[in-house]
Amino acid sequence: MSLTLTIVNVDKLDNGEPVRMVLDRHGLIIGRSPHADWSLPDPKSYISSTHCEIDFSGGVYLLTDKSTNGVYVNGASERLSAPHTIRDGDDILIGHYRLKAQLAGEAAAAQAPRAASTDAWGAWGPSPAAATGSNFSPPASAVPPANAAWGELSPAPSPSGWGRDDAAGGPGPAVSGRGAMSQ
């Protein structure tokens, strides 16, 4: 799966860097610094040295703002405040550069079902059990017997040696009513 970022509002960069970057399951640091993976020239220093970072994690590309002046996605008036999962067609504004994101391969295919699965519950579709037509029922061990009454306790064995019935003479209960603290 790959992510292609293309600067759409300039034909070439003054520093000779490409206007298109292709990422294939790896990340990228974008900034003004010549040491950034993709250095975007900015004589007015609106773009930070390390302006943003793109990471590939869990099968998605995540865009994280590391700048002073912000990264804006899809025309938002507010800068990114948390990592953003890059989607096919995202419009990313860094300084005066406008980037277009294109996903190809598994990443683009994985997004298609999520975009189409909206319903009245805000994309919460039916449960997997409902989708398969099965009826959920708890395991038999979780259902109390029909003759059990509330508050009835059955004696439990004490394999750990913490109970009074321990044949090996293990310790008694933690609170005995005897001793210095009970006086």
C-alpha atoms as a PDB file:
ATOM      1  CA  MET A   1       0.000   0.000   0.000  1.00  0.00           C
ATOM      2  CA  SER A   2       1.336   3.387  -0.854  1.00  0.00           C
ATOM      3  CA  LEU A   3       0.660   7.055  -0.192  1.00  0.00           C
ATOM      4  CA  THR A   4       1.435   9.658  -2.829  1.00  0.00           C
ATOM      5  CA  LEU A   5       1.667  13.307  -1.743  1.00  0.00           C
ATOM      6  CA  THR A   6       1.658  15.874  -4.527  1.00  0.00           C
ATOM      7  CA  ILE A   7       2.095  19.628  -4.177  1.00  0.00           C
ATOM      8  CA  VAL A   8      -0.658  20.957  -6.434  1.00  0.00           C
ATOM      9  CA  ASN A   9      -0.076  24.707  -6.299  1.00  0.00           C
ATOM     10  CA  VAL A  10       3.559  24.883  -7.508  1.00  0.00           C
ATOM     11  CA  ASP A  11       5.289  23.317 -10.512  1.00  0.00           C
ATOM     12  CA  LYS A  12       8.741  23.003  -8.915  1.00  0.00           C
ATOM     13  CA  LEU A  13      10.504  23.716  -5.636  1.00  0.00           C
ATOM     14  CA  ASP A  14      13.327  26.281  -5.477  1.00  0.00           C
ATOM     15  CA  ASN A  15      15.619  23.831  -3.666  1.00  0.00           C
ATOM     16  CA  GLY A  16      15.325  21.142  -6.363  1.00  0.00           C
ATOM     17  CA  GLU A  17      13.242  18.779  -4.214  1.00  0.00           C
ATOM     18  CA  PRO A  18      10.454  16.894  -6.023  1.00  0.00           C
ATOM     19  CA  VAL A  19       6.848  18.105  -5.903  1.00  0.00           C
ATOM     20  CA  ARG A  20       5.677  14.503  -5.454  1.00  0.00           C
ATOM     21  CA  MET A  21       6.623  12.001  -2.762  1.00  0.00           C
ATOM     22  CA  VAL A  22       5.612   8.343  -2.742  1.00  0.00           C
ATOM     23  CA  LEU A  23       5.630   6.461   0.556  1.00  0.00           C
ATOM     24  CA  ASP A  24       5.415   2.697   0.608  1.00  0.00           C
ATOM     25  CA  ARG A  25       4.685   1.566   4.174  1.00  0.00           C
ATOM     26  CA  HIS A  26       7.071   4.052   5.765  1.00  0.00           C
ATOM     27  CA  GLY A  27       6.965   7.531   7.228  1.00  0.00           C
ATOM     28  CA  LEU A  28       8.271  10.948   6.335  1.00  0.00           C
ATOM     29  CA  ILE A  29       9.272  14.194   8.046  1.00  0.00           C
ATOM     30  CA  ILE A  30       8.212  17.368   6.236  1.00  0.00           C
ATOM     31  CA  GLY A  31       9.688  20.740   7.110  1.00  0.00           C
ATOM     32  CA  ARG A  32      11.766  23.744   6.157  1.00  0.00           C
ATOM     33  CA  SER A  33      15.028  22.170   7.314  1.00  0.00           C
ATOM     34  CA  PRO A  34      17.340  20.759   4.635  1.00  0.00           C
ATOM     35  CA  HIS A  35      17.626  17.740   6.969  1.00  0.00           C
ATOM     36  CA  ALA A  36      13.900  16.928   6.676  1.00  0.00           C
ATOM     37  CA  ASP A  37      12.948  13.993   4.451  1.00  0.00           C
ATOM     38  CA  TRP A  38      10.961  16.433   2.298  1.00  0.00           C
ATOM     39  CA  SER A  39      12.329  19.959   2.576  1.00  0.00           C
ATOM     40  CA  LEU A  40       9.864  22.672   1.548  1.00  0.00           C
ATOM     41  CA  PRO A  41      11.557  26.037   0.967  1.00  0.00           C
ATOM     42  CA  ASP A  42      10.038  28.922   2.902  1.00  0.00           C
ATOM     43  CA  PRO A  43      12.026  32.170   3.081  1.00  0.00           C
ATOM     44  CA  LYS A  44       9.431  33.714   5.440  1.00  0.00           C
ATOM     45  CA  SER A  45       9.892  30.848   7.959  1.00  0.00           C
ATOM     46  CA  TYR A  46       6.180  30.155   8.224  1.00  0.00           C
ATOM     47  CA  ILE A  47       6.981  26.446   7.866  1.00  0.00           C
ATOM     48  CA  SER A  48       8.751  24.965  10.896  1.00  0.00           C
ATOM     49  CA  SER A  49      12.043  23.105  10.552  1.00  0.00           C
ATOM     50  CA  THR A  50      10.139  19.934  11.434  1.00  0.00           C
ATOM     51  CA  HIS A  51       6.621  20.966  10.469  1.00  0.00           C
ATOM     52  CA  CYS A  52       4.846  17.610  10.467  1.00  0.00           C
ATOM     53  CA  GLU A  53       5.458  13.911  10.488  1.00  0.00           C
ATOM     54  CA  ILE A  54       3.760  11.079   8.656  1.00  0.00           C
ATOM     55  CA  ASP A  55       3.993   7.643  10.259  1.00  0.00           C
ATOM     56  CA  PHE A  56       2.865   4.296   8.909  1.00  0.00           C
ATOM     57  CA  SER A  57       1.326   2.289  11.736  1.00  0.00           C
ATOM     58  CA  GLY A  58      -1.342  -0.384  11.927  1.00  0.00           C
ATOM     59  CA  GLY A  59      -1.879  -0.302   8.170  1.00  0.00           C
ATOM     60  CA  VAL A  60      -2.659   3.446   8.021  1.00  0.00           C
ATOM     61  CA  TYR A  61      -0.719   6.645   7.467  1.00  0.00           C
ATOM     62  CA  LEU A  62      -0.950   9.098  10.380  1.00  0.00           C
ATOM     63  CA  LEU A  63      -0.249  12.824   9.975  1.00  0.00           C
ATOM     64  CA  THR A  64       0.979  14.597  13.134  1.00  0.00           C
ATOM     65  CA  ASP A  65       1.442  18.365  13.402  1.00  0.00           C
ATOM     66  CA  LYS A  66       4.799  19.278  15.004  1.00  0.00           C
ATOM     67  CA  SER A  67       4.742  22.951  14.014  1.00  0.00           C
ATOM     68  CA  THR A  68       4.192  26.392  15.431  1.00  0.00           C
ATOM     69  CA  ASN A  69       1.845  27.583  12.693  1.00  0.00           C
ATOM     70  CA  GLY A  70      -0.197  24.455  12.090  1.00  0.00           C
ATOM     71  CA  VAL A  71      -1.212  21.858   9.543  1.00  0.00           C
ATOM     72  CA  TYR A  72      -4.723  22.144   8.098  1.00  0.00           C
ATOM     73  CA  VAL A  73      -6.636  19.277   6.503  1.00  0.00           C
ATOM     74  CA  ASN A  74      -9.559  19.451   4.057  1.00  0.00           C
ATOM     75  CA  GLY A  75     -10.158  23.189   4.447  1.00  0.00           C
ATOM     76  CA  ALA A  76     -10.607  23.073   8.217  1.00  0.00           C
ATOM     77  CA  SER A  77     -10.321  26.411   9.993  1.00  0.00           C
ATOM     78  CA  GLU A  78      -8.651  24.742  12.994  1.00  0.00           C
ATOM     79  CA  ARG A  79      -5.200  23.205  12.863  1.00  0.00           C
ATOM     80  CA  LEU A  80      -4.693  19.513  13.642  1.00  0.00           C
ATOM     81  CA  SER A  81      -4.795  18.917  17.374  1.00  0.00           C
ATOM     82  CA  ALA A  82      -4.250  15.151  17.241  1.00  0.00           C
ATOM     83  CA  PRO A  83      -2.832  12.650  14.753  1.00  0.00           C
ATOM     84  CA  HIS A  84      -4.988  12.452  11.624  1.00  0.00           C
ATOM     85  CA  THR A  85      -5.497   9.252   9.627  1.00  0.00           C
ATOM     86  CA  ILE A  86      -4.765  10.233   6.030  1.00  0.00           C
ATOM     87  CA  ARG A  87      -7.562   9.315   3.644  1.00  0.00           C
ATOM     88  CA  ASP A  88      -7.562   9.160  -0.117  1.00  0.00           C
ATOM     89  CA  GLY A  89      -8.198  12.663  -1.481  1.00  0.00           C
ATOM     90  CA  ASP A  90      -7.218  14.568   1.676  1.00  0.00           C
ATOM     91  CA  ASP A  91      -6.151  18.158   1.023  1.00  0.00           C
ATOM     92  CA  ILE A  92      -3.274  19.113   3.353  1.00  0.00           C
ATOM     93  CA  LEU A  93      -2.111  22.716   3.801  1.00  0.00           C
ATOM     94  CA  ILE A  94       1.467  23.269   5.044  1.00  0.00           C
ATOM     95  CA  GLY A  95       2.466  26.933   4.926  1.00  0.00           C
ATOM     96  CA  HIS A  96       1.516  28.076   1.445  1.00  0.00           C
ATOM     97  CA  TYR A  97       1.890  24.578  -0.043  1.00  0.00           C
ATOM     98  CA  ARG A  98      -1.264  22.608  -0.821  1.00  0.00           C
ATOM     99  CA  LEU A  99      -0.728  18.838  -0.910  1.00  0.00           C
ATOM    100  CA  LYS A 100      -3.113  16.221  -2.264  1.00  0.00           C
ATOM    101  CA  ALA A 101      -3.016  12.707  -0.763  1.00  0.00           C
ATOM    102  CA  GLN A 102      -3.640   9.634  -2.885  1.00  0.00           C
ATOM    103  CA  LEU A 103      -3.766   6.158  -1.371  1.00  0.00           C
ATOM    104  CA  ALA A 104      -3.245   3.081  -3.506  1.00  0.00           C
ATOM    105  CA  GLY A 105      -3.430  -0.621  -2.778  1.00  0.00           C
ATOM    106  CA  GLU A 106      -4.718  -2.089   0.478  1.00  0.00           C
ATOM    107  CA  ALA A 107      -4.995   1.291   2.234  1.00  0.00           C
ATOM    108  CA  ALA A 108      -7.474   2.683  -0.286  1.00  0.00           C
ATOM    109  CA  ALA A 109      -9.464  -0.558  -0.366  1.00  0.00           C
ATOM    110  CA  ALA A 110      -9.661  -0.684   3.436  1.00  0.00           C
ATOM    111  CA  GLN A 111     -11.248   2.777   3.539  1.00  0.00           C
ATOM    112  CA  ALA A 112     -14.073   2.053   1.093  1.00  0.00           C
ATOM    113  CA  PRO A 113     -16.242  -0.125   3.400  1.00  0.00           C
ATOM    114  CA  ARG A 114     -15.913   2.338   6.305  1.00  0.00           C
ATOM    115  CA  ALA A 115     -17.084   5.258   4.206  1.00  0.00           C
ATOM    116  CA  ALA A 116     -20.148   3.354   2.989  1.00  0.00           C
ATOM    117  CA  SER A 117     -21.234   1.970   6.377  1.00  0.00           C
ATOM    118  CA  THR A 118     -23.015   4.970   7.832  1.00  0.00           C
ATOM    119  CA  ASP A 119     -26.452   4.638   9.347  1.00  0.00           C
ATOM    120  CA  ALA A 120     -28.661   6.406  11.871  1.00  0.00           C
ATOM    121  CA  TRP A 121     -26.256   5.494  14.679  1.00  0.00           C
ATOM    122  CA  GLY A 122     -23.316   7.382  13.132  1.00  0.00           C
ATOM    123  CA  ALA A 123     -21.550   4.448  11.441  1.00  0.00           C
ATOM    124  CA  TRP A 124     -22.411   1.917  14.140  1.00  0.00           C
ATOM    125  CA  GLY A 125     -23.763  -0.890  12.040  1.00  0.00           C
ATOM    126  CA  PRO A 126     -25.454  -4.063  13.201  1.00  0.00           C
ATOM    127  CA  SER A 127     -23.539  -6.384  15.478  1.00  0.00           C
ATOM    128  CA  PRO A 128     -21.651  -9.281  13.899  1.00  0.00           C
ATOM    129  CA  ALA A 129     -24.130 -11.686  15.525  1.00  0.00           C
ATOM    130  CA  ALA A 130     -27.056  -9.829  13.946  1.00  0.00           C
ATOM    131  CA  ALA A 131     -25.305  -9.799  10.580  1.00  0.00           C
ATOM    132  CA  THR A 132     -24.877 -13.588  10.625  1.00  0.00           C
ATOM    133  CA  GLY A 133     -28.375 -14.228  11.945  1.00  0.00           C
ATOM    134  CA  SER A 134     -27.132 -16.028  15.048  1.00  0.00           C
ATOM    135  CA  ASN A 135     -28.670 -15.580  18.474  1.00  0.00           C
ATOM    136  CA  PHE A 136     -26.262 -14.890  21.286  1.00  0.00           C
ATOM    137  CA  SER A 137     -26.587 -17.018  24.355  1.00  0.00           C
ATOM    138  CA  PRO A 138     -24.140 -17.174  27.258  1.00  0.00           C
ATOM    139  CA  PRO A 139     -22.228 -20.377  27.917  1.00  0.00           C
ATOM    140  CA  ALA A 140     -23.991 -22.900  30.161  1.00  0.00           C
ATOM    141  CA  SER A 141     -21.390 -22.410  32.894  1.00  0.00           C
ATOM    142  CA  ALA A 142     -22.469 -18.755  33.250  1.00  0.00           C
ATOM    143  CA  VAL A 143     -26.133 -19.551  33.813  1.00  0.00           C
ATOM    144  CA  PRO A 144     -27.098 -20.367  37.444  1.00  0.00           C
ATOM    145  CA  PRO A 145     -29.203 -23.476  38.054  1.00  0.00           C
ATOM    146  CA  ALA A 146     -32.966 -22.897  38.005  1.00  0.00           C
ATOM    147  CA  ASN A 147     -33.331 -23.866  41.693  1.00  0.00           C
ATOM    148  CA  ALA A 148     -30.635 -21.418  42.941  1.00  0.00           C
ATOM    149  CA  ALA A 149     -31.917 -18.659  45.209  1.00  0.00           C
ATOM    150  CA  TRP A 150     -30.410 -15.210  45.617  1.00  0.00           C
ATOM    151  CA  GLY A 151     -27.888 -15.063  48.417  1.00  0.00           C
ATOM    152  CA  GLU A 152     -27.232 -18.791  48.553  1.00  0.00           C
ATOM    153  CA  LEU A 153     -23.573 -19.600  48.429  1.00  0.00           C
ATOM    154  CA  SER A 154     -22.160 -22.967  47.681  1.00  0.00           C
ATOM    155  CA  PRO A 155     -19.050 -24.039  49.557  1.00  0.00           C
ATOM    156  CA  ALA A 156     -15.937 -23.620  47.485  1.00  0.00           C
ATOM    157  CA  PRO A 157     -12.844 -25.738  47.851  1.00  0.00           C
ATOM    158  CA  SER A 158      -9.693 -24.057  49.101  1.00  0.00           C
ATOM    159  CA  PRO A 159      -6.887 -25.284  46.870  1.00  0.00           C
ATOM    160  CA  SER A 160      -4.657 -22.307  47.651  1.00  0.00           C
ATOM    161  CA  GLY A 161      -4.401 -23.042  51.387  1.00  0.00           C
ATOM    162  CA  TRP A 162      -6.159 -19.828  52.467  1.00  0.00           C
ATOM    163  CA  GLY A 163      -9.292 -21.427  53.870  1.00  0.00           C
ATOM    164  CA  ARG A 164      -9.961 -23.020  57.296  1.00  0.00           C
ATOM    165  CA  ASP A 165     -10.759 -26.392  55.794  1.00  0.00           C
ATOM    166  CA  ASP A 166      -7.254 -26.803  54.501  1.00  0.00           C
ATOM    167  CA  ALA A 167      -6.136 -30.287  55.526  1.00  0.00           C
ATOM    168  CA  ALA A 168      -2.488 -29.253  55.401  1.00  0.00           C
ATOM    169  CA  GLY A 169      -3.039 -26.804  58.260  1.00  0.00           C
ATOM    170  CA  GLY A 170      -2.765 -23.623  56.179  1.00  0.00           C
ATOM    171  CA  PRO A 171      -3.447 -20.211  57.658  1.00  0.00           C
ATOM    172  CA  GLY A 172      -6.895 -19.277  58.852  1.00  0.00           C
ATOM    173  CA  PRO A 173      -8.885 -16.242  57.790  1.00  0.00           C
ATOM    174  CA  ALA A 174      -7.099 -12.892  57.504  1.00  0.00           C
ATOM    175  CA  VAL A 175      -9.362 -11.382  60.206  1.00  0.00           C
ATOM    176  CA  SER A 176      -9.609 -13.643  63.252  1.00  0.00           C
ATOM    177  CA  GLY A 177     -10.890 -11.314  65.945  1.00  0.00           C
ATOM    178  CA  ARG A 178      -7.793 -12.165  68.000  1.00  0.00           C
ATOM    179  CA  GLY A 179      -4.567 -10.245  68.135  1.00  0.00           C
ATOM    180  CA  ALA A 180      -3.353  -6.739  68.877  1.00  0.00           C
ATOM    181  CA  MET A 181      -5.445  -4.969  66.255  1.00  0.00           C
ATOM    182  CA  SER A 182      -8.691  -6.567  67.488  1.00  0.00           C
ATOM    183  CA  GLN A 183      -8.376  -5.294  71.078  1.00  0.00           C
END
